[in-house]
Amino acid sequence: MINVSRLSDTEFEVTVQAASTTTHRVTASTEDVQRLTGGDTLAETLLEKSFEFLLERESNTSILSTFDLLVIGRYFPEYEREMVAHFGG
């Protein structure tokens, strides 16, 4: 289970409950959220989908504890393309 809580306009806490529960602090700029989603999607929804993307590729214990959302693309180059395709951004 993935739970996303907004801490500020650009900072979020994501809790992933799996075999082990992990907590992650993620920053996501308004501009990045709009670009990846087409502007009609809440940042929380993008983060939830982004963590689903990550969990298809690695365990929650392997996900960085603090990172900027676009860092995902450094590890998985298909990330941004898949988010844009999913949300129609």
PDB file of N, CA and C in Angstrom:
ATOM      1  N   MET A   1       0.842  -1.174   0.000  1.00  0.00           N
ATOM      2  CA  MET A   1       0.000   0.000   0.000  1.00  0.00           C
ATOM      3  C   MET A   1       0.890   1.242   0.000  1.00  0.00           C
ATOM      4  N   ILE A   2       0.469   2.244  -0.758  1.00  0.00           N
ATOM      5  CA  ILE A   2       1.215   3.491  -0.877  1.00  0.00           C
ATOM      6  C   ILE A   2       0.349   4.622  -0.342  1.00  0.00           C
ATOM      7  N   ASN A   3       0.908   5.404   0.583  1.00  0.00           N
ATOM      8  CA  ASN A   3       0.186   6.546   1.140  1.00  0.00           C
ATOM      9  C   ASN A   3       1.040   7.795   0.938  1.00  0.00           C
ATOM     10  N   VAL A   4       0.446   8.816   0.328  1.00  0.00           N
ATOM     11  CA  VAL A   4       1.158  10.065   0.045  1.00  0.00           C
ATOM     12  C   VAL A   4       0.548  11.185   0.868  1.00  0.00           C
ATOM     13  N   SER A   5       1.388  11.905   1.605  1.00  0.00           N
ATOM     14  CA  SER A   5       0.954  13.050   2.405  1.00  0.00           C
ATOM     15  C   SER A   5       1.724  14.281   1.948  1.00  0.00           C
ATOM     16  N   ARG A   6       1.007  15.375   1.753  1.00  0.00           N
ATOM     17  CA  ARG A   6       1.646  16.639   1.350  1.00  0.00           C
ATOM     18  C   ARG A   6       2.200  17.328   2.590  1.00  0.00           C
ATOM     19  N   LEU A   7       3.487  17.688   2.539  1.00  0.00           N
ATOM     20  CA  LEU A   7       4.121  18.409   3.637  1.00  0.00           C
ATOM     21  C   LEU A   7       4.196  19.906   3.352  1.00  0.00           C
ATOM     22  N   SER A   8       4.322  20.249   2.063  1.00  0.00           N
ATOM     23  CA  SER A   8       4.342  21.645   1.611  1.00  0.00           C
ATOM     24  C   SER A   8       3.926  21.646   0.150  1.00  0.00           C
ATOM     25  N   ASP A   9       4.047  22.789  -0.513  1.00  0.00           N
ATOM     26  CA  ASP A   9       3.657  22.857  -1.924  1.00  0.00           C
ATOM     27  C   ASP A   9       4.448  21.886  -2.781  1.00  0.00           C
ATOM     28  N   THR A  10       5.695  21.631  -2.402  1.00  0.00           N
ATOM     29  CA  THR A  10       6.563  20.804  -3.249  1.00  0.00           C
ATOM     30  C   THR A  10       7.175  19.603  -2.534  1.00  0.00           C
ATOM     31  N   GLU A  11       6.833  19.392  -1.285  1.00  0.00           N
ATOM     32  CA  GLU A  11       7.431  18.305  -0.527  1.00  0.00           C
ATOM     33  C   GLU A  11       6.358  17.344  -0.027  1.00  0.00           C
ATOM     34  N   PHE A  12       6.665  16.041  -0.153  1.00  0.00           N
ATOM     35  CA  PHE A  12       5.690  15.000   0.171  1.00  0.00           C
ATOM     36  C   PHE A  12       6.360  13.892   0.963  1.00  0.00           C
ATOM     37  N   GLU A  13       5.558  13.231   1.791  1.00  0.00           N
ATOM     38  CA  GLU A  13       6.015  12.044   2.490  1.00  0.00           C
ATOM     39  C   GLU A  13       5.245  10.866   1.915  1.00  0.00           C
ATOM     40  N   VAL A  14       5.990   9.859   1.489  1.00  0.00           N
ATOM     41  CA  VAL A  14       5.379   8.667   0.909  1.00  0.00           C
ATOM     42  C   VAL A  14       5.717   7.480   1.797  1.00  0.00           C
ATOM     43  N   THR A  15       4.685   6.792   2.261  1.00  0.00           N
ATOM     44  CA  THR A  15       4.861   5.598   3.078  1.00  0.00           C
ATOM     45  C   THR A  15       4.459   4.393   2.244  1.00  0.00           C
ATOM     46  N   VAL A  16       5.339   3.402   2.211  1.00  0.00           N
ATOM     47  CA  VAL A  16       5.075   2.178   1.462  1.00  0.00           C
ATOM     48  C   VAL A  16       5.004   1.033   2.457  1.00  0.00           C
ATOM     49  N   GLN A  17       3.849   0.378   2.495  1.00  0.00           N
ATOM     50  CA  GLN A  17       3.678  -0.776   3.372  1.00  0.00           C
ATOM     51  C   GLN A  17       3.803  -2.032   2.528  1.00  0.00           C
ATOM     52  N   ALA A  18       4.839  -2.782   2.795  1.00  0.00           N
ATOM     53  CA  ALA A  18       5.088  -4.063   2.131  1.00  0.00           C
ATOM     54  C   ALA A  18       5.608  -5.003   3.205  1.00  0.00           C
ATOM     55  N   ALA A  19       6.510  -5.906   2.864  1.00  0.00           N
ATOM     56  CA  ALA A  19       7.093  -6.782   3.889  1.00  0.00           C
ATOM     57  C   ALA A  19       7.713  -5.939   4.993  1.00  0.00           C
ATOM     58  N   SER A  20       8.364  -4.838   4.587  1.00  0.00           N
ATOM     59  CA  SER A  20       8.857  -3.820   5.515  1.00  0.00           C
ATOM     60  C   SER A  20       8.188  -2.505   5.145  1.00  0.00           C
ATOM     61  N   THR A  21       7.866  -1.696   6.137  1.00  0.00           N
ATOM     62  CA  THR A  21       7.294  -0.381   5.862  1.00  0.00           C
ATOM     63  C   THR A  21       8.420   0.635   5.765  1.00  0.00           C
ATOM     64  N   THR A  22       8.372   1.450   4.702  1.00  0.00           N
ATOM     65  CA  THR A  22       9.400   2.471   4.491  1.00  0.00           C
ATOM     66  C   THR A  22       8.724   3.825   4.312  1.00  0.00           C
ATOM     67  N   THR A  23       9.474   4.865   4.650  1.00  0.00           N
ATOM     68  CA  THR A  23       8.993   6.238   4.492  1.00  0.00           C
ATOM     69  C   THR A  23      10.004   6.998   3.650  1.00  0.00           C
ATOM     70  N   HIS A  24       9.485   7.778   2.713  1.00  0.00           N
ATOM     71  CA  HIS A  24      10.325   8.502   1.768  1.00  0.00           C
ATOM     72  C   HIS A  24       9.870   9.955   1.705  1.00  0.00           C
ATOM     73  N   ARG A  25      10.833  10.866   1.635  1.00  0.00           N
ATOM     74  CA  ARG A  25      10.522  12.282   1.476  1.00  0.00           C
ATOM     75  C   ARG A  25      10.891  12.661   0.049  1.00  0.00           C
ATOM     76  N   VAL A  26       9.897  13.136  -0.705  1.00  0.00           N
ATOM     77  CA  VAL A  26      10.077  13.404  -2.129  1.00  0.00           C
ATOM     78  C   VAL A  26       9.697  14.846  -2.423  1.00  0.00           C
ATOM     79  N   THR A  27      10.541  15.523  -3.201  1.00  0.00           N
ATOM     80  CA  THR A  27      10.189  16.854  -3.670  1.00  0.00           C
ATOM     81  C   THR A  27       9.755  16.743  -5.127  1.00  0.00           C
ATOM     82  N   ALA A  28       8.750  17.544  -5.468  1.00  0.00           N
ATOM     83  CA  ALA A  28       8.226  17.571  -6.831  1.00  0.00           C
ATOM     84  C   ALA A  28       7.749  18.990  -7.109  1.00  0.00           C
ATOM     85  N   SER A  29       8.408  19.654  -8.036  1.00  0.00           N
ATOM     86  CA  SER A  29       8.003  21.030  -8.348  1.00  0.00           C
ATOM     87  C   SER A  29       6.670  21.040  -9.074  1.00  0.00           C
ATOM     88  N   THR A  30       5.957  22.134  -8.942  1.00  0.00           N
ATOM     89  CA  THR A  30       4.679  22.304  -9.627  1.00  0.00           C
ATOM     90  C   THR A  30       4.876  22.159 -11.128  1.00  0.00           C
ATOM     91  N   GLU A  31       5.966  22.710 -11.643  1.00  0.00           N
ATOM     92  CA  GLU A  31       6.251  22.645 -13.085  1.00  0.00           C
ATOM     93  C   GLU A  31       6.452  21.201 -13.540  1.00  0.00           C
ATOM     94  N   ASP A  32       7.192  20.421 -12.764  1.00  0.00           N
ATOM     95  CA  ASP A  32       7.429  19.028 -13.134  1.00  0.00           C
ATOM     96  C   ASP A  32       6.130  18.227 -13.100  1.00  0.00           C
ATOM     97  N   VAL A  33       5.320  18.453 -12.091  1.00  0.00           N
ATOM     98  CA  VAL A  33       4.035  17.751 -11.992  1.00  0.00           C
ATOM     99  C   VAL A  33       3.178  18.094 -13.210  1.00  0.00           C
ATOM    100  N   GLN A  34       3.105  19.357 -13.571  1.00  0.00           N
ATOM    101  CA  GLN A  34       2.305  19.762 -14.735  1.00  0.00           C
ATOM    102  C   GLN A  34       2.838  19.153 -16.023  1.00  0.00           C
ATOM    103  N   ARG A  35       4.148  19.154 -16.182  1.00  0.00           N
ATOM    104  CA  ARG A  35       4.747  18.612 -17.401  1.00  0.00           C
ATOM    105  C   ARG A  35       4.496  17.109 -17.538  1.00  0.00           C
ATOM    106  N   LEU A  36       4.589  16.383 -16.439  1.00  0.00           N
ATOM    107  CA  LEU A  36       4.416  14.931 -16.497  1.00  0.00           C
ATOM    108  C   LEU A  36       2.961  14.501 -16.577  1.00  0.00           C
ATOM    109  N   THR A  37       2.056  15.356 -16.126  1.00  0.00           N
ATOM    110  CA  THR A  37       0.650  14.943 -16.068  1.00  0.00           C
ATOM    111  C   THR A  37      -0.273  15.735 -16.989  1.00  0.00           C
ATOM    112  N   GLY A  38       0.223  16.773 -17.614  1.00  0.00           N
ATOM    113  CA  GLY A  38      -0.642  17.611 -18.434  1.00  0.00           C
ATOM    114  C   GLY A  38      -1.368  18.655 -17.615  1.00  0.00           C
ATOM    115  N   GLY A  39      -1.105  18.698 -16.316  1.00  0.00           N
ATOM    116  CA  GLY A  39      -1.646  19.745 -15.460  1.00  0.00           C
ATOM    117  C   GLY A  39      -2.998  19.458 -14.836  1.00  0.00           C
ATOM    118  N   ASP A  40      -3.594  18.309 -15.131  1.00  0.00           N
ATOM    119  CA  ASP A  40      -4.929  18.016 -14.601  1.00  0.00           C
ATOM    120  C   ASP A  40      -4.920  16.965 -13.494  1.00  0.00           C
ATOM    121  N   THR A  41      -3.742  16.693 -12.949  1.00  0.00           N
ATOM    122  CA  THR A  41      -3.599  15.629 -11.959  1.00  0.00           C
ATOM    123  C   THR A  41      -2.929  16.173 -10.710  1.00  0.00           C
ATOM    124  N   LEU A  42      -3.412  15.760  -9.559  1.00  0.00           N
ATOM    125  CA  LEU A  42      -2.785  16.153  -8.299  1.00  0.00           C
ATOM    126  C   LEU A  42      -1.393  15.547  -8.193  1.00  0.00           C
ATOM    127  N   ALA A  43      -0.502  16.275  -7.551  1.00  0.00           N
ATOM    128  CA  ALA A  43       0.857  15.778  -7.331  1.00  0.00           C
ATOM    129  C   ALA A  43       0.822  14.453  -6.567  1.00  0.00           C
ATOM    130  N   GLU A  44      -0.087  14.330  -5.620  1.00  0.00           N
ATOM    131  CA  GLU A  44      -0.181  13.101  -4.833  1.00  0.00           C
ATOM    132  C   GLU A  44      -0.455  11.891  -5.738  1.00  0.00           C
ATOM    133  N   THR A  45      -1.294  12.081  -6.741  1.00  0.00           N
ATOM    134  CA  THR A  45      -1.602  10.997  -7.679  1.00  0.00           C
ATOM    135  C   THR A  45      -0.377  10.635  -8.503  1.00  0.00           C
ATOM    136  N   LEU A  46       0.371  11.647  -8.956  1.00  0.00           N
ATOM    137  CA  LEU A  46       1.603  11.398  -9.697  1.00  0.00           C
ATOM    138  C   LEU A  46       2.607  10.642  -8.822  1.00  0.00           C
ATOM    139  N   LEU A  47       2.750  11.032  -7.576  1.00  0.00           N
ATOM    140  CA  LEU A  47       3.690  10.341  -6.697  1.00  0.00           C
ATOM    141  C   LEU A  47       3.266   8.897  -6.457  1.00  0.00           C
ATOM    142  N   GLU A  48       1.993   8.669  -6.269  1.00  0.00           N
ATOM    143  CA  GLU A  48       1.526   7.296  -6.080  1.00  0.00           C
ATOM    144  C   GLU A  48       1.854   6.455  -7.314  1.00  0.00           C
ATOM    145  N   LYS A  49       1.574   6.973  -8.495  1.00  0.00           N
ATOM    146  CA  LYS A  49       1.873   6.247  -9.735  1.00  0.00           C
ATOM    147  C   LYS A  49       3.386   6.066  -9.893  1.00  0.00           C
ATOM    148  N   SER A  50       4.154   7.066  -9.499  1.00  0.00           N
ATOM    149  CA  SER A  50       5.615   6.977  -9.591  1.00  0.00           C
ATOM    150  C   SER A  50       6.151   5.876  -8.687  1.00  0.00           C
ATOM    151  N   PHE A  51       5.582   5.736  -7.499  1.00  0.00           N
ATOM    152  CA  PHE A  51       6.021   4.664  -6.607  1.00  0.00           C
ATOM    153  C   PHE A  51       5.562   3.302  -7.109  1.00  0.00           C
ATOM    154  N   GLU A  52       4.405   3.222  -7.732  1.00  0.00           N
ATOM    155  CA  GLU A  52       4.002   1.970  -8.365  1.00  0.00           C
ATOM    156  C   GLU A  52       5.026   1.587  -9.434  1.00  0.00           C
ATOM    157  N   PHE A  53       5.450   2.581 -10.222  1.00  0.00           N
ATOM    158  CA  PHE A  53       6.473   2.377 -11.241  1.00  0.00           C
ATOM    159  C   PHE A  53       7.747   1.830 -10.600  1.00  0.00           C
ATOM    160  N   LEU A  54       8.198   2.471  -9.533  1.00  0.00           N
ATOM    161  CA  LEU A  54       9.416   2.030  -8.854  1.00  0.00           C
ATOM    162  C   LEU A  54       9.276   0.621  -8.291  1.00  0.00           C
ATOM    163  N   LEU A  55       8.141   0.331  -7.680  1.00  0.00           N
ATOM    164  CA  LEU A  55       7.953  -0.965  -7.034  1.00  0.00           C
ATOM    165  C   LEU A  55       7.861  -2.107  -8.035  1.00  0.00           C
ATOM    166  N   GLU A  56       7.568  -1.797  -9.300  1.00  0.00           N
ATOM    167  CA  GLU A  56       7.611  -2.822 -10.344  1.00  0.00           C
ATOM    168  C   GLU A  56       9.055  -3.192 -10.682  1.00  0.00           C
ATOM    169  N   ARG A  57      10.012  -2.341 -10.265  1.00  0.00           N
ATOM    170  CA  ARG A  57      11.402  -2.514 -10.630  1.00  0.00           C
ATOM    171  C   ARG A  57      12.334  -2.812  -9.461  1.00  0.00           C
ATOM    172  N   GLU A  58      11.910  -2.480  -8.249  1.00  0.00           N
ATOM    173  CA  GLU A  58      12.752  -2.722  -7.075  1.00  0.00           C
ATOM    174  C   GLU A  58      11.886  -2.754  -5.823  1.00  0.00           C
ATOM    175  N   SER A  59      12.462  -3.260  -4.743  1.00  0.00           N
ATOM    176  CA  SER A  59      11.720  -3.323  -3.479  1.00  0.00           C
ATOM    177  C   SER A  59      11.674  -1.933  -2.845  1.00  0.00           C
ATOM    178  N   ASN A  60      10.703  -1.741  -1.983  1.00  0.00           N
ATOM    179  CA  ASN A  60      10.579  -0.442  -1.323  1.00  0.00           C
ATOM    180  C   ASN A  60      11.796  -0.124  -0.459  1.00  0.00           C
ATOM    181  N   THR A  61      12.477  -1.144   0.030  1.00  0.00           N
ATOM    182  CA  THR A  61      13.668  -0.902   0.849  1.00  0.00           C
ATOM    183  C   THR A  61      14.861  -0.437   0.011  1.00  0.00           C
ATOM    184  N   SER A  62      14.786  -0.580  -1.307  1.00  0.00           N
ATOM    185  CA  SER A  62      15.849  -0.114  -2.199  1.00  0.00           C
ATOM    186  C   SER A  62      15.617   1.318  -2.694  1.00  0.00           C
ATOM    187  N   ILE A  63      14.432   1.859  -2.471  1.00  0.00           N
ATOM    188  CA  ILE A  63      14.101   3.210  -2.924  1.00  0.00           C
ATOM    189  C   ILE A  63      14.757   4.217  -1.983  1.00  0.00           C
ATOM    190  N   LEU A  64      15.357   5.246  -2.549  1.00  0.00           N
ATOM    191  CA  LEU A  64      16.013   6.286  -1.749  1.00  0.00           C
ATOM    192  C   LEU A  64      15.044   6.855  -0.711  1.00  0.00           C
ATOM    193  N   SER A  65      15.556   7.239   0.429  1.00  0.00           N
ATOM    194  CA  SER A  65      14.688   7.780   1.482  1.00  0.00           C
ATOM    195  C   SER A  65      14.331   9.236   1.237  1.00  0.00           C
ATOM    196  N   THR A  66      15.191   9.975   0.534  1.00  0.00           N
ATOM    197  CA  THR A  66      14.936  11.378   0.213  1.00  0.00           C
ATOM    198  C   THR A  66      15.421  11.632  -1.212  1.00  0.00           C
ATOM    199  N   PHE A  67      14.547  12.175  -2.057  1.00  0.00           N
ATOM    200  CA  PHE A  67      14.961  12.451  -3.431  1.00  0.00           C
ATOM    201  C   PHE A  67      13.977  13.386  -4.120  1.00  0.00           C
ATOM    202  N   ASP A  68      14.436  13.975  -5.216  1.00  0.00           N
ATOM    203  CA  ASP A  68      13.584  14.762  -6.091  1.00  0.00           C
ATOM    204  C   ASP A  68      12.949  13.805  -7.096  1.00  0.00           C
ATOM    205  N   LEU A  69      11.712  14.028  -7.424  1.00  0.00           N
ATOM    206  CA  LEU A  69      10.961  13.120  -8.285  1.00  0.00           C
ATOM    207  C   LEU A  69      11.687  12.805  -9.591  1.00  0.00           C
ATOM    208  N   LEU A  70      12.315  13.802 -10.207  1.00  0.00           N
ATOM    209  CA  LEU A  70      12.957  13.577 -11.499  1.00  0.00           C
ATOM    210  C   LEU A  70      14.208  12.713 -11.420  1.00  0.00           C
ATOM    211  N   VAL A  71      14.707  12.454 -10.210  1.00  0.00           N
ATOM    212  CA  VAL A  71      15.853  11.554 -10.044  1.00  0.00           C
ATOM    213  C   VAL A  71      15.494  10.146 -10.536  1.00  0.00           C
ATOM    214  N   ILE A  72      14.231   9.802 -10.482  1.00  0.00           N
ATOM    215  CA  ILE A  72      13.810   8.471 -10.942  1.00  0.00           C
ATOM    216  C   ILE A  72      14.292   8.235 -12.383  1.00  0.00           C
ATOM    217  N   GLY A  73      14.214   9.274 -13.211  1.00  0.00           N
ATOM    218  CA  GLY A  73      14.624   9.149 -14.603  1.00  0.00           C
ATOM    219  C   GLY A  73      16.108   8.875 -14.786  1.00  0.00           C
ATOM    220  N   ARG A  74      16.923   9.218 -13.819  1.00  0.00           N
ATOM    221  CA  ARG A  74      18.359   8.910 -13.897  1.00  0.00           C
ATOM    222  C   ARG A  74      18.606   7.412 -13.768  1.00  0.00           C
ATOM    223  N   TYR A  75      17.777   6.751 -12.963  1.00  0.00           N
ATOM    224  CA  TYR A  75      17.913   5.318 -12.754  1.00  0.00           C
ATOM    225  C   TYR A  75      17.110   4.518 -13.778  1.00  0.00           C
ATOM    226  N   PHE A  76      15.975   5.084 -14.191  1.00  0.00           N
ATOM    227  CA  PHE A  76      15.082   4.405 -15.127  1.00  0.00           C
ATOM    228  C   PHE A  76      14.697   5.406 -16.217  1.00  0.00           C
ATOM    229  N   PRO A  77      15.444   5.420 -17.326  1.00  0.00           N
ATOM    230  CA  PRO A  77      15.233   6.437 -18.376  1.00  0.00           C
ATOM    231  C   PRO A  77      13.820   6.456 -18.950  1.00  0.00           C
ATOM    232  N   GLU A  78      13.087   5.377 -18.849  1.00  0.00           N
ATOM    233  CA  GLU A  78      11.727   5.320 -19.393  1.00  0.00           C
ATOM    234  C   GLU A  78      10.700   5.991 -18.487  1.00  0.00           C
ATOM    235  N   TYR A  79      11.094   6.403 -17.286  1.00  0.00           N
ATOM    236  CA  TYR A  79      10.148   6.940 -16.293  1.00  0.00           C
ATOM    237  C   TYR A  79       9.297   8.090 -16.827  1.00  0.00           C
ATOM    238  N   GLU A  80       9.930   9.152 -17.289  1.00  0.00           N
ATOM    239  CA  GLU A  80       9.163  10.328 -17.703  1.00  0.00           C
ATOM    240  C   GLU A  80       8.241   9.990 -18.873  1.00  0.00           C
ATOM    241  N   ARG A  81       8.742   9.219 -19.829  1.00  0.00           N
ATOM    242  CA  ARG A  81       7.923   8.840 -20.985  1.00  0.00           C
ATOM    243  C   ARG A  81       6.679   8.060 -20.525  1.00  0.00           C
ATOM    244  N   GLU A  82       6.866   7.154 -19.573  1.00  0.00           N
ATOM    245  CA  GLU A  82       5.733   6.367 -19.094  1.00  0.00           C
ATOM    246  C   GLU A  82       4.721   7.208 -18.314  1.00  0.00           C
ATOM    247  N   MET A  83       5.198   8.166 -17.522  1.00  0.00           N
ATOM    248  CA  MET A  83       4.272   9.014 -16.782  1.00  0.00           C
ATOM    249  C   MET A  83       3.478   9.911 -17.756  1.00  0.00           C
ATOM    250  N   VAL A  84       4.172  10.497 -18.733  1.00  0.00           N
ATOM    251  CA  VAL A  84       3.488  11.345 -19.724  1.00  0.00           C
ATOM    252  C   VAL A  84       2.448  10.524 -20.472  1.00  0.00           C
ATOM    253  N   ALA A  85       2.805   9.304 -20.869  1.00  0.00           N
ATOM    254  CA  ALA A  85       1.869   8.446 -21.593  1.00  0.00           C
ATOM    255  C   ALA A  85       0.671   8.070 -20.713  1.00  0.00           C
ATOM    256  N   HIS A  86       0.925   7.794 -19.440  1.00  0.00           N
ATOM    257  CA  HIS A  86      -0.160   7.391 -18.528  1.00  0.00           C
ATOM    258  C   HIS A  86      -1.137   8.539 -18.277  1.00  0.00           C
ATOM    259  N   PHE A  87      -0.597   9.729 -18.020  1.00  0.00           N
ATOM    260  CA  PHE A  87      -1.442  10.864 -17.654  1.00  0.00           C
ATOM    261  C   PHE A  87      -1.822  11.727 -18.853  1.00  0.00           C
ATOM    262  N   GLY A  88      -1.218  11.500 -19.990  1.00  0.00           N
ATOM    263  CA  GLY A  88      -1.519  12.321 -21.159  1.00  0.00           C
ATOM    264  C   GLY A  88      -0.893  13.706 -21.077  1.00  0.00           C
ATOM    265  N   GLY A  89       0.258  13.807 -20.382  1.00  0.00           N
ATOM    266  CA  GLY A  89       0.940  15.082 -20.165  1.00  0.00           C
ATOM    267  C   GLY A  89       1.618  15.634 -21.379  1.00  0.00           C
TER     268      GLY A  89
END
